[in-house]
Amino acid sequence: MTDAAGAPRKRAAFESPARLARPLPFDPGMKRPMSTVAGAALVLLRVATGVLWLLSLGVQWPALVGEADADIAGISLTPDQIGTGFIAVAVVMGLVLLADGAFAVLILRGHNIPRVIVMTFSTISIGSAFVTWWAQGQEIRIHTTLVTLSLDILVLLALSSRSAAAYARRFERR
């Protein structure tokens, strides 16, 4: 079910599940929908916020290390050893951000697997924010999890749309 431009139409509230389960038509010439562009842009915005968070952590790290009194299972850690921890955090976070940026580019090009992976991680992130709010009473504030939570919700809404799914699966013969 498509409109005059060939984009999938929004489903009505009364649409039958059998009609919803029908496969979308094979359309390799489908134009990129705005939901795909918005989803990829939001993923890139999430990468940018991750970079800002990492830079902020790097600036605050010396103060955090100076205040730290790390004693894990009877083993005391020196500030130099704790400082090495930032390098490990930065490398892991950098790799995650790089992968997220690559997924954004692949989503924009119309690949389905990166779209599903990003939606899965957004769902896990939203779920973990809920669990920490529910179980530990962590408040959702602008300087803690509000920005990442809102970006994850928007990414999930954009990339789970019918038009984004149809674009990502436009080469599949059904």
Protein backbone atom coordinates (compact mmCIF):
# COMPACT_ATOMS: atom_id res chain seq x y z
CA MET A 1 0.00 0.00 0.00
CA THR A 2 1.78 3.11 -1.24
CA ASP A 3 0.82 6.66 -2.06
CA ALA A 4 1.28 8.43 -5.39
CA ALA A 5 4.98 9.08 -4.68
CA GLY A 6 5.58 5.39 -3.96
CA ALA A 7 6.17 5.79 -0.22
CA PRO A 8 4.37 3.47 2.18
CA ARG A 9 1.24 5.07 3.62
CA LYS A 10 0.62 5.33 7.33
CA ARG A 11 -1.61 2.61 8.65
CA ALA A 12 -5.06 3.42 9.91
CA ALA A 13 -6.02 2.59 13.48
CA PHE A 14 -8.53 0.06 12.21
CA GLU A 15 -6.21 -1.72 9.78
CA SER A 16 -6.39 -5.49 10.08
CA PRO A 17 -3.31 -7.41 11.28
CA ALA A 18 -3.44 -9.59 8.16
CA ARG A 19 -3.06 -6.52 5.97
CA LEU A 20 -0.22 -5.24 8.18
CA ALA A 21 1.61 -8.58 7.85
CA ARG A 22 1.53 -8.45 4.06
CA PRO A 23 5.02 -7.93 2.61
CA LEU A 24 5.93 -4.60 1.09
CA PRO A 25 6.48 -4.55 -2.67
CA PHE A 26 9.95 -4.98 -4.20
CA ASP A 27 11.10 -1.42 -5.04
CA PRO A 28 14.87 -0.91 -5.59
CA GLY A 29 14.25 2.61 -6.90
CA MET A 30 12.57 3.86 -3.72
CA LYS A 31 13.65 7.34 -2.66
CA ARG A 32 15.23 7.77 0.76
CA PRO A 33 12.46 8.71 3.24
CA MET A 34 12.83 11.51 5.77
CA SER A 35 12.51 9.02 8.63
CA THR A 36 15.75 7.35 7.51
CA VAL A 37 17.53 10.69 7.17
CA ALA A 38 16.25 11.81 10.58
CA GLY A 39 17.24 8.50 12.18
CA ALA A 40 20.77 8.66 10.78
CA ALA A 41 21.08 12.32 11.81
CA LEU A 42 19.96 11.45 15.34
CA VAL A 43 22.51 8.65 15.52
CA LEU A 44 25.21 11.12 14.45
CA LEU A 45 23.93 13.55 17.09
CA ARG A 46 24.22 10.74 19.63
CA VAL A 47 27.84 10.26 18.50
CA ALA A 48 28.48 13.99 18.95
CA THR A 49 27.05 13.94 22.48
CA GLY A 50 29.24 10.93 23.25
CA VAL A 51 32.32 12.80 22.06
CA LEU A 52 31.36 15.80 24.22
CA TRP A 53 30.81 13.51 27.21
CA LEU A 54 34.21 11.90 26.67
CA LEU A 55 35.92 15.29 26.39
CA SER A 56 34.16 16.45 29.56
CA LEU A 57 35.30 13.32 31.36
CA GLY A 58 38.87 13.94 30.16
CA VAL A 59 38.82 17.46 31.57
CA GLN A 60 37.38 16.30 34.91
CA TRP A 61 39.54 13.17 35.17
CA PRO A 62 42.46 14.72 37.14
CA ALA A 63 40.05 16.01 39.80
CA LEU A 64 38.27 12.66 39.92
CA VAL A 65 41.56 10.80 40.27
CA GLY A 66 42.74 13.19 43.00
CA GLU A 67 39.60 12.51 45.03
CA ALA A 68 39.60 8.79 44.35
CA ASP A 69 40.55 6.35 47.02
CA ALA A 70 40.24 3.12 45.11
CA ASP A 71 40.57 0.01 47.22
CA ILE A 72 39.32 -3.03 45.37
CA ALA A 73 39.39 -6.33 47.28
CA GLY A 74 42.25 -5.13 49.45
CA ILE A 75 44.36 -3.87 46.54
CA SER A 76 45.09 -0.15 46.62
CA LEU A 77 45.41 1.59 43.28
CA THR A 78 47.73 4.52 42.73
CA PRO A 79 46.57 7.65 40.90
CA ASP A 80 48.79 6.62 37.96
CA GLN A 81 47.00 3.29 37.74
CA ILE A 82 43.65 5.01 37.98
CA GLY A 83 44.79 7.48 35.29
CA THR A 84 45.49 4.57 32.99
CA GLY A 85 41.84 3.67 33.46
CA PHE A 86 40.83 6.80 31.57
CA ILE A 87 42.85 5.68 28.57
CA ALA A 88 41.01 2.35 28.62
CA VAL A 89 37.63 4.09 28.95
CA ALA A 90 38.51 6.53 26.15
CA VAL A 91 39.63 3.78 23.78
CA VAL A 92 36.54 1.62 24.38
CA MET A 93 34.19 4.60 24.17
CA GLY A 94 35.96 5.84 21.02
CA LEU A 95 35.50 2.46 19.35
CA VAL A 96 31.82 2.41 20.29
CA LEU A 97 31.35 5.94 18.93
CA LEU A 98 33.20 5.05 15.75
CA ALA A 99 30.97 2.00 15.23
CA ASP A 100 27.87 4.11 15.92
CA GLY A 101 29.01 6.67 13.33
CA ALA A 102 29.63 3.91 10.79
CA PHE A 103 26.15 2.52 11.49
CA ALA A 104 24.67 5.99 10.85
CA VAL A 105 26.33 6.13 7.43
CA LEU A 106 25.17 2.60 6.60
CA ILE A 107 21.63 3.42 7.71
CA LEU A 108 21.66 6.47 5.46
CA ARG A 109 22.77 4.26 2.56
CA GLY A 110 19.82 1.95 3.26
CA HIS A 111 21.29 -1.10 5.00
CA ASN A 112 18.89 -3.01 7.23
CA ILE A 113 21.20 -4.83 9.68
CA PRO A 114 22.82 -1.63 11.07
CA ARG A 115 19.31 -0.17 11.45
CA VAL A 116 18.22 -3.18 13.49
CA ILE A 117 21.43 -3.12 15.58
CA VAL A 118 21.01 0.58 16.38
CA MET A 119 17.35 0.04 17.31
CA THR A 120 18.32 -2.89 19.53
CA PHE A 121 20.93 -0.88 21.40
CA SER A 122 18.52 2.05 21.72
CA THR A 123 15.96 -0.30 23.25
CA ILE A 124 18.55 -1.67 25.68
CA SER A 125 19.60 1.86 26.61
CA ILE A 126 16.00 2.97 27.21
CA GLY A 127 15.34 -0.17 29.25
CA SER A 128 18.44 0.29 31.37
CA ALA A 129 17.51 3.93 32.07
CA PHE A 130 14.10 2.75 33.22
CA VAL A 131 15.55 0.00 35.41
CA THR A 132 18.01 2.36 37.11
CA TRP A 133 15.19 4.84 37.69
CA TRP A 134 12.89 2.14 39.04
CA ALA A 135 15.31 0.05 41.09
CA GLN A 136 17.92 2.56 42.22
CA GLY A 137 15.90 5.77 42.19
CA GLN A 138 18.30 7.51 39.80
CA GLU A 139 16.72 10.74 38.68
CA ILE A 140 16.57 11.50 35.00
CA ARG A 141 17.99 15.00 34.64
CA ILE A 142 19.44 17.02 31.80
CA HIS A 143 23.01 16.54 33.07
CA THR A 144 22.64 12.78 33.60
CA THR A 145 20.52 10.69 31.24
CA LEU A 146 17.81 12.93 29.78
CA VAL A 147 19.70 13.82 26.58
CA THR A 148 20.78 10.27 25.79
CA LEU A 149 17.37 8.88 26.71
CA SER A 150 15.54 11.35 24.47
CA LEU A 151 17.93 10.71 21.58
CA ASP A 152 17.45 6.96 21.95
CA ILE A 153 13.66 7.34 21.93
CA LEU A 154 13.76 9.55 18.84
CA VAL A 155 16.16 7.17 17.05
CA LEU A 156 13.86 4.27 17.83
CA LEU A 157 10.80 6.15 16.57
CA ALA A 158 12.48 7.27 13.35
CA LEU A 159 14.14 3.99 12.41
CA SER A 160 11.18 1.78 13.31
CA SER A 161 8.82 3.61 10.96
CA ARG A 162 7.31 1.72 8.06
CA SER A 163 9.01 3.97 5.53
CA ALA A 164 12.47 3.44 7.09
CA ALA A 165 11.89 -0.31 7.17
CA ALA A 166 10.68 -0.33 3.57
CA TYR A 167 13.71 1.67 2.44
CA ALA A 168 16.14 -0.60 4.28
CA ARG A 169 14.48 -3.69 2.80
CA ARG A 170 13.80 -2.32 -0.69
CA PHE A 171 16.08 -4.86 -2.42
CA GLU A 172 14.53 -7.90 -0.76
CA ARG A 173 12.30 -9.99 -2.97
CA ARG A 174 9.28 -11.20 -1.08
